Amino acid sequence: MTVYYQTKITDVGSEVPELIQGGILILYATGAPPELAEVSVLHKVQVGPTVEAPSTGDRLRIGDVSAVLTAVGELAWKKVADIGHVVINFDGADTSGRPGELCASRVEPDALLGALVSGAEITIEAAA
């Protein structure tokens, strides 16, 4: 199975819980400026990103929480590769509202928030 990206959470910004309740998760590589770190889940890349971007139907796992990618913005994978940054919208949309965004199936916000702990892995992999 292809693993497009695997990263480990290093810190969770103070404003992340509010964004999660709205279905939004912002990932930023460790070392993000403080104003971005407040709204982001900071992470350190373990594997990838691959040259080939994931596509709809591929899997996103955050700890024990799993979702299916439903849309991949045209610039999203480039941002992941360049600066370790991406916005994930858990709205199940079949087209991304912004070019730098990944959309995924809906998840339970409280379960997602519970999965966002230092050391937890985030993986984007090909559908089985």
N, C-alpha and C. Protein backbone atom coordinates (compact mmCIF):
# COMPACT_ATOMS: atom_id res chain seq x y z
N MET A 1 0.84 -1.18 0.00
CA MET A 1 0.00 0.00 0.00
C MET A 1 0.89 1.25 0.00
N THR A 2 0.53 2.20 -0.82
CA THR A 2 1.30 3.44 -0.93
C THR A 2 1.00 4.36 0.24
N VAL A 3 2.04 4.80 0.91
CA VAL A 3 1.92 5.84 1.94
C VAL A 3 2.40 7.12 1.30
N TYR A 4 1.49 8.06 1.11
CA TYR A 4 1.83 9.35 0.51
C TYR A 4 2.54 10.26 1.50
N TYR A 5 2.14 10.15 2.76
CA TYR A 5 2.63 11.09 3.76
C TYR A 5 2.39 10.50 5.13
N GLN A 6 3.41 10.58 5.98
CA GLN A 6 3.24 10.17 7.37
C GLN A 6 4.02 11.14 8.23
N THR A 7 3.36 11.64 9.24
CA THR A 7 3.97 12.65 10.09
C THR A 7 3.54 12.41 11.53
N LYS A 8 4.28 12.98 12.45
CA LYS A 8 4.00 12.79 13.86
C LYS A 8 3.70 14.15 14.49
N ILE A 9 2.62 14.21 15.25
CA ILE A 9 2.22 15.45 15.92
C ILE A 9 3.24 15.81 17.00
N THR A 10 3.66 17.08 16.99
CA THR A 10 4.59 17.57 18.02
C THR A 10 3.92 18.53 18.99
N ASP A 11 2.86 19.23 18.54
CA ASP A 11 2.19 20.19 19.40
C ASP A 11 0.83 20.54 18.80
N VAL A 12 -0.08 20.95 19.66
CA VAL A 12 -1.43 21.34 19.23
C VAL A 12 -1.69 22.76 19.71
N GLY A 13 -1.95 23.67 18.77
CA GLY A 13 -2.18 25.07 19.10
C GLY A 13 -3.41 25.29 19.96
N SER A 14 -3.40 26.36 20.70
CA SER A 14 -4.48 26.66 21.65
C SER A 14 -5.83 26.90 20.98
N GLU A 15 -5.85 27.31 19.72
CA GLU A 15 -7.11 27.59 19.04
C GLU A 15 -7.62 26.41 18.19
N VAL A 16 -6.87 25.30 18.19
CA VAL A 16 -7.26 24.13 17.40
C VAL A 16 -8.62 23.56 17.81
N PRO A 17 -8.94 23.42 19.10
CA PRO A 17 -10.25 22.85 19.45
C PRO A 17 -11.43 23.58 18.82
N GLU A 18 -11.36 24.90 18.79
CA GLU A 18 -12.45 25.68 18.19
C GLU A 18 -12.57 25.39 16.69
N LEU A 19 -11.44 25.30 15.99
CA LEU A 19 -11.46 24.99 14.56
C LEU A 19 -11.99 23.58 14.30
N ILE A 20 -11.59 22.64 15.14
CA ILE A 20 -12.05 21.25 14.98
C ILE A 20 -13.57 21.18 15.11
N GLN A 21 -14.14 21.93 16.02
CA GLN A 21 -15.61 21.93 16.16
C GLN A 21 -16.27 22.41 14.88
N GLY A 22 -15.58 23.22 14.09
CA GLY A 22 -16.09 23.68 12.81
C GLY A 22 -15.69 22.80 11.64
N GLY A 23 -15.01 21.68 11.94
CA GLY A 23 -14.64 20.73 10.89
C GLY A 23 -13.36 21.07 10.14
N ILE A 24 -12.53 21.94 10.71
CA ILE A 24 -11.30 22.38 10.04
C ILE A 24 -10.08 21.96 10.86
N LEU A 25 -9.09 21.40 10.18
CA LEU A 25 -7.81 21.05 10.79
C LEU A 25 -6.71 21.67 9.95
N ILE A 26 -5.82 22.41 10.59
CA ILE A 26 -4.69 23.03 9.91
C ILE A 26 -3.42 22.35 10.38
N LEU A 27 -2.66 21.81 9.44
CA LEU A 27 -1.37 21.20 9.75
C LEU A 27 -0.26 22.14 9.31
N TYR A 28 0.75 22.27 10.15
CA TYR A 28 1.91 23.08 9.81
C TYR A 28 3.14 22.40 10.38
N ALA A 29 4.20 22.36 9.60
CA ALA A 29 5.45 21.76 10.07
C ALA A 29 5.96 22.48 11.30
N THR A 30 6.61 21.74 12.19
CA THR A 30 7.22 22.31 13.39
C THR A 30 8.11 23.48 12.98
N GLY A 31 8.01 24.56 13.73
CA GLY A 31 8.78 25.76 13.42
C GLY A 31 7.93 26.85 12.81
N ALA A 32 6.63 26.62 12.72
CA ALA A 32 5.73 27.64 12.18
C ALA A 32 5.77 28.90 13.05
N PRO A 33 5.56 30.08 12.45
CA PRO A 33 5.50 31.30 13.25
C PRO A 33 4.43 31.20 14.35
N PRO A 34 4.63 31.85 15.49
CA PRO A 34 3.70 31.74 16.63
C PRO A 34 2.24 32.00 16.27
N GLU A 35 1.98 33.00 15.42
CA GLU A 35 0.59 33.31 15.08
C GLU A 35 -0.07 32.17 14.30
N LEU A 36 0.71 31.40 13.55
CA LEU A 36 0.17 30.24 12.83
C LEU A 36 0.13 29.01 13.74
N ALA A 37 1.09 28.90 14.64
CA ALA A 37 1.14 27.77 15.55
C ALA A 37 -0.10 27.71 16.44
N GLU A 38 -0.67 28.85 16.79
CA GLU A 38 -1.85 28.89 17.66
C GLU A 38 -3.05 28.19 17.05
N VAL A 39 -3.15 28.20 15.72
CA VAL A 39 -4.32 27.62 15.04
C VAL A 39 -3.99 26.30 14.36
N SER A 40 -2.77 25.79 14.57
CA SER A 40 -2.30 24.63 13.84
C SER A 40 -1.94 23.45 14.73
N VAL A 41 -1.97 22.28 14.10
CA VAL A 41 -1.36 21.09 14.67
C VAL A 41 0.03 21.03 14.06
N LEU A 42 1.04 21.17 14.89
CA LEU A 42 2.41 21.14 14.41
C LEU A 42 2.87 19.69 14.31
N HIS A 43 3.72 19.43 13.32
CA HIS A 43 4.12 18.04 13.08
C HIS A 43 5.52 17.96 12.51
N LYS A 44 6.10 16.76 12.62
CA LYS A 44 7.41 16.46 12.06
C LYS A 44 7.25 15.29 11.10
N VAL A 45 7.63 15.49 9.85
CA VAL A 45 7.44 14.49 8.79
C VAL A 45 8.30 13.26 9.05
N GLN A 46 7.68 12.10 8.87
CA GLN A 46 8.35 10.81 9.01
C GLN A 46 8.59 10.16 7.64
N VAL A 47 7.57 10.23 6.76
CA VAL A 47 7.63 9.62 5.43
C VAL A 47 6.98 10.56 4.43
N GLY A 48 7.65 10.77 3.27
CA GLY A 48 7.07 11.56 2.20
C GLY A 48 7.35 13.04 2.37
N PRO A 49 6.60 13.83 1.64
CA PRO A 49 5.49 13.45 0.78
C PRO A 49 5.98 12.86 -0.55
N THR A 50 5.17 12.00 -1.12
CA THR A 50 5.49 11.42 -2.41
C THR A 50 5.32 12.48 -3.49
N VAL A 51 5.93 12.22 -4.64
CA VAL A 51 5.77 13.12 -5.78
C VAL A 51 4.32 13.11 -6.24
N GLU A 52 3.74 11.93 -6.29
CA GLU A 52 2.35 11.78 -6.70
C GLU A 52 1.42 12.16 -5.54
N ALA A 53 0.47 13.00 -5.83
CA ALA A 53 -0.51 13.42 -4.82
C ALA A 53 -1.55 12.33 -4.59
N PRO A 54 -2.11 12.27 -3.39
CA PRO A 54 -3.22 11.36 -3.16
C PRO A 54 -4.43 11.82 -3.97
N SER A 55 -5.40 10.95 -4.08
CA SER A 55 -6.61 11.31 -4.82
C SER A 55 -7.85 10.96 -4.01
N THR A 56 -8.99 11.33 -4.53
CA THR A 56 -10.23 11.03 -3.82
C THR A 56 -10.33 9.52 -3.62
N GLY A 57 -10.84 9.16 -2.47
CA GLY A 57 -10.97 7.76 -2.11
C GLY A 57 -9.81 7.25 -1.26
N ASP A 58 -8.69 7.97 -1.25
CA ASP A 58 -7.57 7.57 -0.41
C ASP A 58 -7.90 7.87 1.05
N ARG A 59 -7.11 7.28 1.97
CA ARG A 59 -7.41 7.34 3.40
C ARG A 59 -6.54 8.35 4.14
N LEU A 60 -7.16 9.00 5.10
CA LEU A 60 -6.49 9.89 6.03
C LEU A 60 -6.72 9.31 7.42
N ARG A 61 -5.64 9.03 8.13
CA ARG A 61 -5.75 8.53 9.50
C ARG A 61 -5.03 9.49 10.45
N ILE A 62 -5.71 9.83 11.52
CA ILE A 62 -5.14 10.67 12.57
C ILE A 62 -5.34 9.90 13.87
N GLY A 63 -4.27 9.29 14.36
CA GLY A 63 -4.43 8.40 15.51
C GLY A 63 -5.41 7.30 15.14
N ASP A 64 -6.46 7.16 15.94
CA ASP A 64 -7.48 6.13 15.69
C ASP A 64 -8.64 6.62 14.82
N VAL A 65 -8.61 7.87 14.41
CA VAL A 65 -9.68 8.44 13.60
C VAL A 65 -9.32 8.30 12.12
N SER A 66 -10.29 7.82 11.34
CA SER A 66 -10.05 7.59 9.92
C SER A 66 -11.10 8.31 9.09
N ALA A 67 -10.67 8.84 7.94
CA ALA A 67 -11.57 9.52 7.01
C ALA A 67 -11.14 9.19 5.59
N VAL A 68 -12.00 9.49 4.65
CA VAL A 68 -11.72 9.28 3.23
C VAL A 68 -11.56 10.64 2.58
N LEU A 69 -10.52 10.80 1.76
CA LEU A 69 -10.37 12.05 1.03
C LEU A 69 -11.46 12.16 -0.02
N THR A 70 -12.14 13.29 -0.04
CA THR A 70 -13.24 13.49 -0.99
C THR A 70 -12.89 14.52 -2.06
N ALA A 71 -11.85 15.33 -1.82
CA ALA A 71 -11.38 16.31 -2.81
C ALA A 71 -9.95 16.72 -2.45
N VAL A 72 -9.17 17.00 -3.50
CA VAL A 72 -7.78 17.44 -3.31
C VAL A 72 -7.60 18.71 -4.12
N GLY A 73 -7.39 19.82 -3.45
CA GLY A 73 -7.18 21.09 -4.13
C GLY A 73 -5.93 21.05 -4.99
N GLU A 74 -5.95 21.81 -6.07
CA GLU A 74 -4.87 21.75 -7.06
C GLU A 74 -3.51 22.15 -6.51
N LEU A 75 -3.46 22.95 -5.44
CA LEU A 75 -2.18 23.35 -4.86
C LEU A 75 -1.88 22.68 -3.52
N ALA A 76 -2.79 21.87 -3.03
CA ALA A 76 -2.65 21.31 -1.69
C ALA A 76 -1.38 20.48 -1.53
N TRP A 77 -1.09 19.60 -2.47
CA TRP A 77 0.05 18.71 -2.31
C TRP A 77 1.36 19.47 -2.44
N LYS A 78 1.39 20.51 -3.27
CA LYS A 78 2.59 21.34 -3.40
C LYS A 78 2.89 22.05 -2.08
N LYS A 79 1.85 22.52 -1.39
CA LYS A 79 2.04 23.18 -0.10
C LYS A 79 2.54 22.19 0.95
N VAL A 80 2.02 20.97 0.89
CA VAL A 80 2.50 19.94 1.81
C VAL A 80 3.99 19.71 1.57
N ALA A 81 4.37 19.56 0.31
CA ALA A 81 5.77 19.30 -0.03
C ALA A 81 6.68 20.48 0.29
N ASP A 82 6.22 21.69 0.01
CA ASP A 82 7.07 22.88 0.17
C ASP A 82 7.24 23.31 1.62
N ILE A 83 6.15 23.33 2.38
CA ILE A 83 6.24 23.89 3.74
C ILE A 83 5.54 23.05 4.82
N GLY A 84 5.09 21.84 4.47
CA GLY A 84 4.43 21.01 5.48
C GLY A 84 3.12 21.57 5.96
N HIS A 85 2.44 22.31 5.10
CA HIS A 85 1.20 22.98 5.49
C HIS A 85 0.05 22.52 4.63
N VAL A 86 -1.09 22.28 5.26
CA VAL A 86 -2.32 21.99 4.53
C VAL A 86 -3.51 22.23 5.45
N VAL A 87 -4.61 22.63 4.85
CA VAL A 87 -5.88 22.77 5.56
C VAL A 87 -6.73 21.57 5.16
N ILE A 88 -7.26 20.87 6.15
CA ILE A 88 -8.14 19.74 5.90
C ILE A 88 -9.53 20.13 6.37
N ASN A 89 -10.48 20.07 5.46
CA ASN A 89 -11.87 20.41 5.75
C ASN A 89 -12.67 19.11 5.79
N PHE A 90 -13.17 18.76 6.95
CA PHE A 90 -13.93 17.52 7.12
C PHE A 90 -15.41 17.77 6.80
N ASP A 91 -15.67 18.18 5.56
CA ASP A 91 -17.04 18.49 5.15
C ASP A 91 -17.60 17.51 4.11
N GLY A 92 -16.77 16.59 3.63
CA GLY A 92 -17.23 15.61 2.65
C GLY A 92 -17.46 16.18 1.26
N ALA A 93 -17.00 17.40 1.01
CA ALA A 93 -17.23 18.05 -0.28
C ALA A 93 -16.50 17.30 -1.40
N ASP A 94 -17.09 17.30 -2.60
CA ASP A 94 -16.45 16.63 -3.72
C ASP A 94 -15.58 17.57 -4.55
N THR A 95 -15.56 18.85 -4.19
CA THR A 95 -14.61 19.81 -4.76
C THR A 95 -14.11 20.69 -3.62
N SER A 96 -12.83 21.04 -3.68
CA SER A 96 -12.29 21.87 -2.61
C SER A 96 -12.66 23.32 -2.84
N GLY A 97 -12.98 24.01 -1.77
CA GLY A 97 -13.34 25.41 -1.85
C GLY A 97 -12.15 26.33 -2.08
N ARG A 98 -10.96 25.82 -1.73
CA ARG A 98 -9.73 26.59 -1.90
C ARG A 98 -8.68 25.67 -2.52
N PRO A 99 -7.78 26.21 -3.34
CA PRO A 99 -6.82 25.36 -4.04
C PRO A 99 -5.82 24.65 -3.12
N GLY A 100 -5.58 25.17 -1.93
CA GLY A 100 -4.62 24.56 -1.02
C GLY A 100 -5.24 23.66 0.03
N GLU A 101 -6.41 23.15 -0.23
CA GLU A 101 -7.19 22.43 0.77
C GLU A 101 -7.41 20.97 0.37
N LEU A 102 -7.43 20.11 1.38
CA LEU A 102 -7.91 18.74 1.22
C LEU A 102 -9.28 18.66 1.87
N CYS A 103 -10.21 17.97 1.23
CA CYS A 103 -11.51 17.73 1.85
C CYS A 103 -11.60 16.24 2.19
N ALA A 104 -12.24 15.95 3.30
CA ALA A 104 -12.36 14.57 3.76
C ALA A 104 -13.77 14.34 4.28
N SER A 105 -14.10 13.05 4.43
CA SER A 105 -15.41 12.70 4.96
C SER A 105 -15.55 13.24 6.38
N ARG A 106 -16.78 13.43 6.78
CA ARG A 106 -17.05 13.97 8.11
C ARG A 106 -16.57 12.99 9.19
N VAL A 107 -16.10 13.56 10.29
CA VAL A 107 -15.70 12.77 11.45
C VAL A 107 -16.31 13.42 12.68
N GLU A 108 -16.37 12.67 13.75
CA GLU A 108 -16.88 13.19 15.01
C GLU A 108 -15.83 14.15 15.59
N PRO A 109 -16.18 15.44 15.74
CA PRO A 109 -15.19 16.42 16.21
C PRO A 109 -14.51 16.05 17.53
N ASP A 110 -15.27 15.52 18.49
CA ASP A 110 -14.67 15.19 19.78
C ASP A 110 -13.68 14.04 19.66
N ALA A 111 -13.97 13.07 18.79
CA ALA A 111 -13.04 11.96 18.56
C ALA A 111 -11.77 12.48 17.90
N LEU A 112 -11.93 13.36 16.93
CA LEU A 112 -10.76 13.94 16.26
C LEU A 112 -9.92 14.74 17.24
N LEU A 113 -10.55 15.55 18.04
CA LEU A 113 -9.83 16.34 19.03
C LEU A 113 -9.07 15.43 20.00
N GLY A 114 -9.70 14.34 20.40
CA GLY A 114 -9.05 13.39 21.30
C GLY A 114 -7.84 12.71 20.67
N ALA A 115 -7.83 12.59 19.34
CA ALA A 115 -6.72 11.95 18.63
C ALA A 115 -5.53 12.88 18.44
N LEU A 116 -5.75 14.17 18.62
CA LEU A 116 -4.70 15.16 18.37
C LEU A 116 -3.83 15.34 19.62
N VAL A 117 -2.93 14.41 19.81
CA VAL A 117 -2.02 14.45 20.95
C VAL A 117 -0.58 14.33 20.45
N SER A 118 0.33 14.90 21.17
CA SER A 118 1.74 14.84 20.82
C SER A 118 2.16 13.37 20.69
N GLY A 119 2.82 13.06 19.58
CA GLY A 119 3.28 11.70 19.32
C GLY A 119 2.36 10.89 18.43
N ALA A 120 1.11 11.33 18.27
CA ALA A 120 0.17 10.60 17.40
C ALA A 120 0.59 10.76 15.93
N GLU A 121 0.32 9.73 15.14
CA GLU A 121 0.67 9.76 13.73
C GLU A 121 -0.49 10.20 12.86
N ILE A 122 -0.14 10.93 11.82
CA ILE A 122 -1.09 11.32 10.79
C ILE A 122 -0.57 10.68 9.51
N THR A 123 -1.43 9.91 8.83
CA THR A 123 -1.02 9.19 7.62
C THR A 123 -2.03 9.42 6.52
N ILE A 124 -1.51 9.66 5.32
CA ILE A 124 -2.35 9.70 4.12
C ILE A 124 -1.83 8.55 3.26
N GLU A 125 -2.73 7.60 2.95
CA GLU A 125 -2.32 6.41 2.23
C GLU A 125 -3.35 6.02 1.19
N ALA A 126 -2.90 5.22 0.24
CA ALA A 126 -3.78 4.77 -0.83
C ALA A 126 -4.90 3.92 -0.24
N ALA A 127 -6.06 3.99 -0.85
CA ALA A 127 -7.19 3.17 -0.42
C ALA A 127 -6.83 1.70 -0.57
N ALA A 128 -7.31 0.91 0.34
CA ALA A 128 -7.00 -0.54 0.32
C ALA A 128 -7.66 -1.24 -0.84
